[in-house]
Full PDB file with SEQRES, HELIX, SHEET, SSBOND, CRYST1, ORIGX, SCALE, CONECT and MASTER records, all heavy atoms in Angstrom:
SEQRES   1 A   35  ALA GLY ASP ARG VAL ALA LEU VAL ALA PHE GLY ASP THR          
SEQRES   2 A   35  ALA PHE THR LEU CYS PRO LEU SER THR ASP GLY ALA LEU          
SEQRES   3 A   35  LEU ALA ALA ALA LEU ALA ARG VAL GLU                          
HELIX    1 AA1 GLY A   24  ALA A   32  1                                   9    
SHEET    1 AA1 2 VAL A   5  PHE A  10  0                                        
SHEET    2 AA1 2 ALA A  14  SER A  21 -1                                        
CRYST1    1.000    1.000    1.000  90.00  90.00  90.00 P 1           1          
ORIGX1      1.000000  0.000000  0.000000        0.00000                         
ORIGX2      0.000000  1.000000  0.000000        0.00000                         
ORIGX3      0.000000  0.000000  1.000000        0.00000                         
SCALE1      1.000000  0.000000  0.000000        0.00000                         
SCALE2      0.000000  1.000000  0.000000        0.00000                         
SCALE3      0.000000  0.000000  1.000000        0.00000                         
ATOM      1  N   ALA A   1       8.206  -3.418   9.508  1.00  0.00           N  
ATOM      2  CA  ALA A   1       8.757  -2.136   9.966  1.00  0.00           C  
ATOM      3  C   ALA A   1       7.832  -1.406  10.928  1.00  0.00           C  
ATOM      4  O   ALA A   1       8.199  -0.369  11.466  1.00  0.00           O  
ATOM      5  CB  ALA A   1       9.059  -1.241   8.771  1.00  0.00           C  
ATOM      6  N   GLY A   2       6.613  -1.925  11.149  1.00  0.00           N  
ATOM      7  CA  GLY A   2       5.699  -1.295  12.092  1.00  0.00           C  
ATOM      8  C   GLY A   2       4.465  -0.684  11.475  1.00  0.00           C  
ATOM      9  O   GLY A   2       3.617  -0.142  12.191  1.00  0.00           O  
ATOM     10  N   ASP A   3       4.319  -0.753  10.155  1.00  0.00           N  
ATOM     11  CA  ASP A   3       3.116  -0.223   9.518  1.00  0.00           C  
ATOM     12  C   ASP A   3       1.929  -1.151   9.739  1.00  0.00           C  
ATOM     13  O   ASP A   3       2.087  -2.358   9.887  1.00  0.00           O  
ATOM     14  CB  ASP A   3       3.325  -0.071   8.010  1.00  0.00           C  
ATOM     15  CG  ASP A   3       4.322   1.001   7.664  1.00  0.00           C  
ATOM     16  OD1 ASP A   3       4.575   1.862   8.519  1.00  0.00           O  
ATOM     17  OD2 ASP A   3       4.854   0.975   6.546  1.00  0.00           O  
ATOM     18  N   ARG A   4       0.743  -0.560   9.728  1.00  0.00           N  
ATOM     19  CA  ARG A   4      -0.478  -1.348   9.640  1.00  0.00           C  
ATOM     20  C   ARG A   4      -0.925  -1.320   8.185  1.00  0.00           C  
ATOM     21  O   ARG A   4      -1.146  -0.246   7.620  1.00  0.00           O  
ATOM     22  CB  ARG A   4      -1.564  -0.784  10.561  1.00  0.00           C  
ATOM     23  CG  ARG A   4      -1.196  -0.888  12.029  1.00  0.00           C  
ATOM     24  CD  ARG A   4      -2.347  -0.493  12.923  1.00  0.00           C  
ATOM     25  NE  ARG A   4      -2.689   0.915  12.775  1.00  0.00           N  
ATOM     26  CZ  ARG A   4      -3.686   1.501  13.439  1.00  0.00           C  
ATOM     27  NH1 ARG A   4      -4.421   0.792  14.262  1.00  0.00           N  
ATOM     28  NH2 ARG A   4      -3.936   2.781  13.267  1.00  0.00           N  
ATOM     29  N   VAL A   5      -1.050  -2.489   7.587  1.00  0.00           N  
ATOM     30  CA  VAL A   5      -1.278  -2.602   6.146  1.00  0.00           C  
ATOM     31  C   VAL A   5      -2.617  -3.280   5.897  1.00  0.00           C  
ATOM     32  O   VAL A   5      -2.942  -4.286   6.535  1.00  0.00           O  
ATOM     33  CB  VAL A   5      -0.147  -3.395   5.469  1.00  0.00           C  
ATOM     34  CG1 VAL A   5      -0.327  -3.406   3.955  1.00  0.00           C  
ATOM     35  CG2 VAL A   5       1.220  -2.800   5.824  1.00  0.00           C  
ATOM     36  N   ALA A   6      -3.386  -2.715   4.977  1.00  0.00           N  
ATOM     37  CA  ALA A   6      -4.651  -3.313   4.540  1.00  0.00           C  
ATOM     38  C   ALA A   6      -4.572  -3.590   3.047  1.00  0.00           C  
ATOM     39  O   ALA A   6      -3.742  -3.016   2.333  1.00  0.00           O  
ATOM     40  CB  ALA A   6      -5.823  -2.394   4.857  1.00  0.00           C  
ATOM     41  N   LEU A   7      -5.456  -4.464   2.562  1.00  0.00           N  
ATOM     42  CA  LEU A   7      -5.463  -4.842   1.148  1.00  0.00           C  
ATOM     43  C   LEU A   7      -6.875  -4.730   0.601  1.00  0.00           C  
ATOM     44  O   LEU A   7      -7.820  -5.299   1.164  1.00  0.00           O  
ATOM     45  CB  LEU A   7      -4.944  -6.270   0.981  1.00  0.00           C  
ATOM     46  CG  LEU A   7      -4.942  -6.821  -0.448  1.00  0.00           C  
ATOM     47  CD1 LEU A   7      -3.979  -6.019  -1.325  1.00  0.00           C  
ATOM     48  CD2 LEU A   7      -4.562  -8.291  -0.459  1.00  0.00           C  
ATOM     49  N   VAL A   8      -7.019  -3.999  -0.514  1.00  0.00           N  
ATOM     50  CA  VAL A   8      -8.283  -3.850  -1.226  1.00  0.00           C  
ATOM     51  C   VAL A   8      -8.070  -4.318  -2.655  1.00  0.00           C  
ATOM     52  O   VAL A   8      -7.092  -3.927  -3.304  1.00  0.00           O  
ATOM     53  CB  VAL A   8      -8.775  -2.385  -1.203  1.00  0.00           C  
ATOM     54  CG1 VAL A   8      -9.956  -2.185  -2.142  1.00  0.00           C  
ATOM     55  CG2 VAL A   8      -9.149  -1.976   0.217  1.00  0.00           C  
ATOM     56  N   ALA A   9      -8.952  -5.182  -3.141  1.00  0.00           N  
ATOM     57  CA  ALA A   9      -8.920  -5.633  -4.535  1.00  0.00           C  
ATOM     58  C   ALA A   9     -10.181  -5.126  -5.233  1.00  0.00           C  
ATOM     59  O   ALA A   9     -11.218  -4.914  -4.592  1.00  0.00           O  
ATOM     60  CB  ALA A   9      -8.840  -7.155  -4.605  1.00  0.00           C  
ATOM     61  N   PHE A  10     -10.101  -4.944  -6.541  1.00  0.00           N  
ATOM     62  CA  PHE A  10     -11.278  -4.429  -7.245  1.00  0.00           C  
ATOM     63  C   PHE A  10     -11.312  -4.915  -8.690  1.00  0.00           C  
ATOM     64  O   PHE A  10     -10.296  -5.242  -9.294  1.00  0.00           O  
ATOM     65  CB  PHE A  10     -11.300  -2.901  -7.204  1.00  0.00           C  
ATOM     66  CG  PHE A  10     -10.240  -2.223  -8.040  1.00  0.00           C  
ATOM     67  CD1 PHE A  10     -10.523  -1.745  -9.312  1.00  0.00           C  
ATOM     68  CD2 PHE A  10      -8.950  -2.060  -7.539  1.00  0.00           C  
ATOM     69  CE1 PHE A  10      -9.544  -1.119 -10.069  1.00  0.00           C  
ATOM     70  CE2 PHE A  10      -7.970  -1.421  -8.300  1.00  0.00           C  
ATOM     71  CZ  PHE A  10      -8.262  -0.958  -9.563  1.00  0.00           C  
ATOM     72  N   GLY A  11     -12.532  -4.984  -9.200  1.00  0.00           N  
ATOM     73  CA  GLY A  11     -12.839  -5.251 -10.592  1.00  0.00           C  
ATOM     74  C   GLY A  11     -14.090  -4.469 -10.915  1.00  0.00           C  
ATOM     75  O   GLY A  11     -14.082  -3.245 -10.929  1.00  0.00           O  
ATOM     76  N   ASP A  12     -15.241  -5.176 -11.129  1.00  0.00           N  
ATOM     77  CA  ASP A  12     -16.521  -4.477 -11.237  1.00  0.00           C  
ATOM     78  C   ASP A  12     -16.884  -3.788  -9.932  1.00  0.00           C  
ATOM     79  O   ASP A  12     -17.550  -2.746  -9.920  1.00  0.00           O  
ATOM     80  CB  ASP A  12     -17.641  -5.476 -11.573  1.00  0.00           C  
ATOM     81  CG  ASP A  12     -17.488  -6.027 -12.989  1.00  0.00           C  
ATOM     82  OD1 ASP A  12     -16.779  -5.406 -13.795  1.00  0.00           O  
ATOM     83  OD2 ASP A  12     -18.070  -7.087 -13.274  1.00  0.00           O  
ATOM     84  N   THR A  13     -16.474  -4.388  -8.825  1.00  0.00           N  
ATOM     85  CA  THR A  13     -16.703  -3.849  -7.489  1.00  0.00           C  
ATOM     86  C   THR A  13     -15.391  -3.887  -6.715  1.00  0.00           C  
ATOM     87  O   THR A  13     -14.433  -4.547  -7.129  1.00  0.00           O  
ATOM     88  CB  THR A  13     -17.771  -4.666  -6.729  1.00  0.00           C  
ATOM     89  OG1 THR A  13     -17.337  -6.024  -6.646  1.00  0.00           O  
ATOM     90  CG2 THR A  13     -19.114  -4.610  -7.441  1.00  0.00           C  
ATOM     91  N   ALA A  14     -15.378  -3.224  -5.587  1.00  0.00           N  
ATOM     92  CA  ALA A  14     -14.193  -3.213  -4.718  1.00  0.00           C  
ATOM     93  C   ALA A  14     -14.550  -3.851  -3.380  1.00  0.00           C  
ATOM     94  O   ALA A  14     -15.664  -3.670  -2.876  1.00  0.00           O  
ATOM     95  CB  ALA A  14     -13.702  -1.787  -4.505  1.00  0.00           C  
ATOM     96  N   PHE A  15     -13.622  -4.586  -2.814  1.00  0.00           N  
ATOM     97  CA  PHE A  15     -13.870  -5.218  -1.524  1.00  0.00           C  
ATOM     98  C   PHE A  15     -12.549  -5.337  -0.765  1.00  0.00           C  
ATOM     99  O   PHE A  15     -11.461  -5.325  -1.347  1.00  0.00           O  
ATOM    100  CB  PHE A  15     -14.526  -6.594  -1.682  1.00  0.00           C  
ATOM    101  CG  PHE A  15     -13.746  -7.559  -2.521  1.00  0.00           C  
ATOM    102  CD1 PHE A  15     -12.891  -8.477  -1.935  1.00  0.00           C  
ATOM    103  CD2 PHE A  15     -13.870  -7.554  -3.900  1.00  0.00           C  
ATOM    104  CE1 PHE A  15     -12.162  -9.362  -2.708  1.00  0.00           C  
ATOM    105  CE2 PHE A  15     -13.141  -8.441  -4.679  1.00  0.00           C  
ATOM    106  CZ  PHE A  15     -12.289  -9.347  -4.088  1.00  0.00           C  
ATOM    107  N   THR A  16     -12.669  -5.463   0.561  1.00  0.00           N  
ATOM    108  CA  THR A  16     -11.499  -5.543   1.441  1.00  0.00           C  
ATOM    109  C   THR A  16     -11.090  -7.000   1.607  1.00  0.00           C  
ATOM    110  O   THR A  16     -11.877  -7.811   2.086  1.00  0.00           O  
ATOM    111  CB  THR A  16     -11.809  -4.933   2.818  1.00  0.00           C  
ATOM    112  OG1 THR A  16     -12.246  -3.580   2.647  1.00  0.00           O  
ATOM    113  CG2 THR A  16     -10.579  -4.950   3.708  1.00  0.00           C  
ATOM    114  N   LEU A  17      -9.873  -7.314   1.229  1.00  0.00           N  
ATOM    115  CA  LEU A  17      -9.338  -8.657   1.436  1.00  0.00           C  
ATOM    116  C   LEU A  17      -8.681  -8.808   2.793  1.00  0.00           C  
ATOM    117  O   LEU A  17      -8.640  -9.895   3.358  1.00  0.00           O  
ATOM    118  CB  LEU A  17      -8.318  -8.995   0.344  1.00  0.00           C  
ATOM    119  CG  LEU A  17      -8.867  -9.541  -0.969  1.00  0.00           C  
ATOM    120  CD1 LEU A  17      -7.745  -9.679  -1.979  1.00  0.00           C  
ATOM    121  CD2 LEU A  17      -9.567 -10.866  -0.769  1.00  0.00           C  
ATOM    122  N   CYS A  18      -8.124  -7.712   3.328  1.00  0.00           N  
ATOM    123  CA  CYS A  18      -7.477  -7.757   4.637  1.00  0.00           C  
ATOM    124  C   CYS A  18      -7.586  -6.386   5.272  1.00  0.00           C  
ATOM    125  O   CYS A  18      -7.235  -5.386   4.639  1.00  0.00           O  
ATOM    126  CB  CYS A  18      -6.007  -8.165   4.491  1.00  0.00           C  
ATOM    127  SG  CYS A  18      -5.106  -8.280   6.058  1.00  0.00           S  
ATOM    128  N   PRO A  19      -8.095  -6.269   6.507  1.00  0.00           N  
ATOM    129  CA  PRO A  19      -8.137  -4.972   7.184  1.00  0.00           C  
ATOM    130  C   PRO A  19      -6.737  -4.559   7.628  1.00  0.00           C  
ATOM    131  O   PRO A  19      -5.769  -5.311   7.471  1.00  0.00           O  
ATOM    132  CB  PRO A  19      -9.049  -5.244   8.389  1.00  0.00           C  
ATOM    133  CG  PRO A  19      -8.841  -6.699   8.671  1.00  0.00           C  
ATOM    134  CD  PRO A  19      -8.619  -7.358   7.344  1.00  0.00           C  
ATOM    135  N   LEU A  20      -6.621  -3.378   8.194  1.00  0.00           N  
ATOM    136  CA  LEU A  20      -5.325  -2.910   8.680  1.00  0.00           C  
ATOM    137  C   LEU A  20      -4.747  -3.898   9.683  1.00  0.00           C  
ATOM    138  O   LEU A  20      -5.387  -4.239  10.680  1.00  0.00           O  
ATOM    139  CB  LEU A  20      -5.463  -1.539   9.325  1.00  0.00           C  
ATOM    140  CG  LEU A  20      -5.661  -0.358   8.373  1.00  0.00           C  
ATOM    141  CD1 LEU A  20      -6.011   0.900   9.151  1.00  0.00           C  
ATOM    142  CD2 LEU A  20      -4.437  -0.124   7.513  1.00  0.00           C  
ATOM    143  N   SER A  21      -3.538  -4.344   9.419  1.00  0.00           N  
ATOM    144  CA  SER A  21      -2.925  -5.378  10.255  1.00  0.00           C  
ATOM    145  C   SER A  21      -1.411  -5.281  10.147  1.00  0.00           C  
ATOM    146  O   SER A  21      -0.865  -4.822   9.135  1.00  0.00           O  
ATOM    147  CB  SER A  21      -3.395  -6.767   9.801  1.00  0.00           C  
ATOM    148  OG  SER A  21      -2.699  -7.790  10.484  1.00  0.00           O  
ATOM    149  N   THR A  22      -0.734  -5.732  11.195  1.00  0.00           N  
ATOM    150  CA  THR A  22       0.721  -5.854  11.172  1.00  0.00           C  
ATOM    151  C   THR A  22       1.144  -7.316  11.015  1.00  0.00           C  
ATOM    152  O   THR A  22       2.314  -7.632  11.165  1.00  0.00           O  
ATOM    153  CB  THR A  22       1.331  -5.290  12.468  1.00  0.00           C  
ATOM    154  OG1 THR A  22       0.765  -5.970  13.601  1.00  0.00           O  
ATOM    155  CG2 THR A  22       1.061  -3.801  12.597  1.00  0.00           C  
ATOM    156  N   ASP A  23       0.196  -8.187  10.721  1.00  0.00           N  
ATOM    157  CA  ASP A  23       0.459  -9.617  10.571  1.00  0.00           C  
ATOM    158  C   ASP A  23       0.869  -9.895   9.129  1.00  0.00           C  
ATOM    159  O   ASP A  23       0.027  -9.929   8.224  1.00  0.00           O  
ATOM    160  CB  ASP A  23      -0.788 -10.414  10.952  1.00  0.00           C  
ATOM    161  CG  ASP A  23      -0.533 -11.918  11.014  1.00  0.00           C  
ATOM    162  OD1 ASP A  23       0.456 -12.374  10.409  1.00  0.00           O  
ATOM    163  OD2 ASP A  23      -1.322 -12.631  11.655  1.00  0.00           O  
ATOM    164  N   GLY A  24       2.162 -10.089   8.907  1.00  0.00           N  
ATOM    165  CA  GLY A  24       2.651 -10.333   7.558  1.00  0.00           C  
ATOM    166  C   GLY A  24       2.097 -11.606   6.949  1.00  0.00           C  
ATOM    167  O   GLY A  24       1.820 -11.667   5.748  1.00  0.00           O  
ATOM    168  N   ALA A  25       1.899 -12.651   7.761  1.00  0.00           N  
ATOM    169  CA  ALA A  25       1.364 -13.913   7.249  1.00  0.00           C  
ATOM    170  C   ALA A  25      -0.076 -13.747   6.773  1.00  0.00           C  
ATOM    171  O   ALA A  25      -0.489 -14.305   5.752  1.00  0.00           O  
ATOM    172  CB  ALA A  25       1.452 -14.992   8.332  1.00  0.00           C  
ATOM    173  N   LEU A  26      -0.865 -12.955   7.507  1.00  0.00           N  
ATOM    174  CA  LEU A  26      -2.248 -12.702   7.110  1.00  0.00           C  
ATOM    175  C   LEU A  26      -2.307 -11.945   5.794  1.00  0.00           C  
ATOM    176  O   LEU A  26      -3.121 -12.261   4.905  1.00  0.00           O  
ATOM    177  CB  LEU A  26      -2.957 -11.911   8.212  1.00  0.00           C  
ATOM    178  CG  LEU A  26      -4.430 -11.567   7.979  1.00  0.00           C  
ATOM    179  CD1 LEU A  26      -5.273 -12.828   7.897  1.00  0.00           C  
ATOM    180  CD2 LEU A  26      -4.950 -10.652   9.082  1.00  0.00           C  
ATOM    181  N   LEU A  27      -1.437 -10.953   5.625  1.00  0.00           N  
ATOM    182  CA  LEU A  27      -1.392 -10.193   4.381  1.00  0.00           C  
ATOM    183  C   LEU A  27      -0.971 -11.075   3.208  1.00  0.00           C  
ATOM    184  O   LEU A  27      -1.539 -10.993   2.112  1.00  0.00           O  
ATOM    185  CB  LEU A  27      -0.429  -9.020   4.531  1.00  0.00           C  
ATOM    186  CG  LEU A  27      -0.897  -7.889   5.442  1.00  0.00           C  
ATOM    187  CD1 LEU A  27       0.275  -7.008   5.847  1.00  0.00           C  
ATOM    188  CD2 LEU A  27      -1.960  -7.059   4.748  1.00  0.00           C  
ATOM    189  N   ALA A  28       0.032 -11.943   3.444  1.00  0.00           N  
ATOM    190  CA  ALA A  28       0.494 -12.835   2.378  1.00  0.00           C  
ATOM    191  C   ALA A  28      -0.614 -13.793   1.954  1.00  0.00           C  
ATOM    192  O   ALA A  28      -0.792 -14.065   0.754  1.00  0.00           O  
ATOM    193  CB  ALA A  28       1.719 -13.612   2.849  1.00  0.00           C  
ATOM    194  N   ALA A  29      -1.370 -14.314   2.919  1.00  0.00           N  
ATOM    195  CA  ALA A  29      -2.469 -15.221   2.594  1.00  0.00           C  
ATOM    196  C   ALA A  29      -3.552 -14.500   1.798  1.00  0.00           C  
ATOM    197  O   ALA A  29      -4.143 -15.079   0.866  1.00  0.00           O  
ATOM    198  CB  ALA A  29      -3.045 -15.810   3.878  1.00  0.00           C  
ATOM    199  N   ALA A  30      -3.833 -13.247   2.137  1.00  0.00           N  
ATOM    200  CA  ALA A  30      -4.839 -12.483   1.403  1.00  0.00           C  
ATOM    201  C   ALA A  30      -4.380 -12.211  -0.031  1.00  0.00           C  
ATOM    202  O   ALA A  30      -5.165 -12.344  -0.984  1.00  0.00           O  
ATOM    203  CB  ALA A  30      -5.130 -11.173   2.134  1.00  0.00           C  
ATOM    204  N   LEU A  31      -3.126 -11.846  -0.200  1.00  0.00           N  
ATOM    205  CA  LEU A  31      -2.607 -11.576  -1.545  1.00  0.00           C  
ATOM    206  C   LEU A  31      -2.579 -12.834  -2.406  1.00  0.00           C  
ATOM    207  O   LEU A  31      -2.762 -12.778  -3.624  1.00  0.00           O  
ATOM    208  CB  LEU A  31      -1.202 -10.974  -1.447  1.00  0.00           C  
ATOM    209  CG  LEU A  31      -1.165  -9.483  -1.127  1.00  0.00           C  
ATOM    210  CD1 LEU A  31       0.205  -9.061  -0.629  1.00  0.00           C  
ATOM    211  CD2 LEU A  31      -1.545  -8.677  -2.376  1.00  0.00           C  
ATOM    212  N   ALA A  32      -2.342 -13.992  -1.791  1.00  0.00           N  
ATOM    213  CA  ALA A  32      -2.298 -15.240  -2.555  1.00  0.00           C  
ATOM    214  C   ALA A  32      -3.651 -15.568  -3.178  1.00  0.00           C  
ATOM    215  O   ALA A  32      -3.718 -16.344  -4.138  1.00  0.00           O  
ATOM    216  CB  ALA A  32      -1.835 -16.383  -1.654  1.00  0.00           C  
ATOM    217  N   ARG A  33      -4.722 -14.991  -2.652  1.00  0.00           N  
ATOM    218  CA  ARG A  33      -6.064 -15.277  -3.177  1.00  0.00           C  
ATOM    219  C   ARG A  33      -6.449 -14.363  -4.339  1.00  0.00           C  
ATOM    220  O   ARG A  33      -7.505 -14.545  -4.945  1.00  0.00           O  
ATOM    221  CB  ARG A  33      -7.107 -15.138  -2.066  1.00  0.00           C  
ATOM    222  CG  ARG A  33      -6.946 -16.133  -0.941  1.00  0.00           C  
ATOM    223  CD  ARG A  33      -8.214 -16.215  -0.101  1.00  0.00           C  
ATOM    224  NE  ARG A  33      -8.547 -14.938   0.503  1.00  0.00           N  
ATOM    225  CZ  ARG A  33      -8.146 -14.556   1.706  1.00  0.00           C  
ATOM    226  NH1 ARG A  33      -7.363 -15.349   2.425  1.00  0.00           N  
ATOM    227  NH2 ARG A  33      -8.518 -13.391   2.197  1.00  0.00           N  
ATOM    228  N   VAL A  34      -5.623 -13.366  -4.635  1.00  0.00           N  
ATOM    229  CA  VAL A  34      -5.960 -12.423  -5.704  1.00  0.00           C  
ATOM    230  C   VAL A  34      -5.774 -13.088  -7.069  1.00  0.00           C  
ATOM    231  O   VAL A  34      -4.688 -13.578  -7.392  1.00  0.00           O  
ATOM    232  CB  VAL A  34      -5.098 -11.150  -5.601  1.00  0.00           C  
ATOM    233  CG1 VAL A  34      -5.380 -10.211  -6.770  1.00  0.00           C  
ATOM    234  CG2 VAL A  34      -5.360 -10.441  -4.282  1.00  0.00           C  
ATOM    235  N   GLU A  35      -6.833 -13.100  -7.862  1.00  0.00           N  
ATOM    236  CA  GLU A  35      -6.793 -13.638  -9.219  1.00  0.00           C  
ATOM    237  C   GLU A  35      -7.462 -12.653 -10.157  1.00  0.00           C  
ATOM    238  O   GLU A  35      -8.416 -11.957  -9.773  1.00  0.00           O  
ATOM    239  CB  GLU A  35      -7.510 -14.991  -9.303  1.00  0.00           C  
ATOM    240  CG  GLU A  35      -6.883 -16.096  -8.471  1.00  0.00           C  
ATOM    241  CD  GLU A  35      -5.552 -16.589  -9.043  1.00  0.00           C  
ATOM    242  OE1 GLU A  35      -5.262 -16.255 -10.218  1.00  0.00           O  
ATOM    243  OE2 GLU A  35      -4.827 -17.293  -8.334  1.00  0.00           O  
TER     244      GLU A  35                                                      
MASTER        0    0    0    1    2    0    0    6  243    1    0    3          
END                                                                             
């Protein structure tokens, strides 16, 4: 839809899995790594 989306995951610490991006494939790949 035109948003720039970033992904942050956290546990004991927090880190950026994906910076702000409009690339849906990049976001999907980053989310697939979340365990």
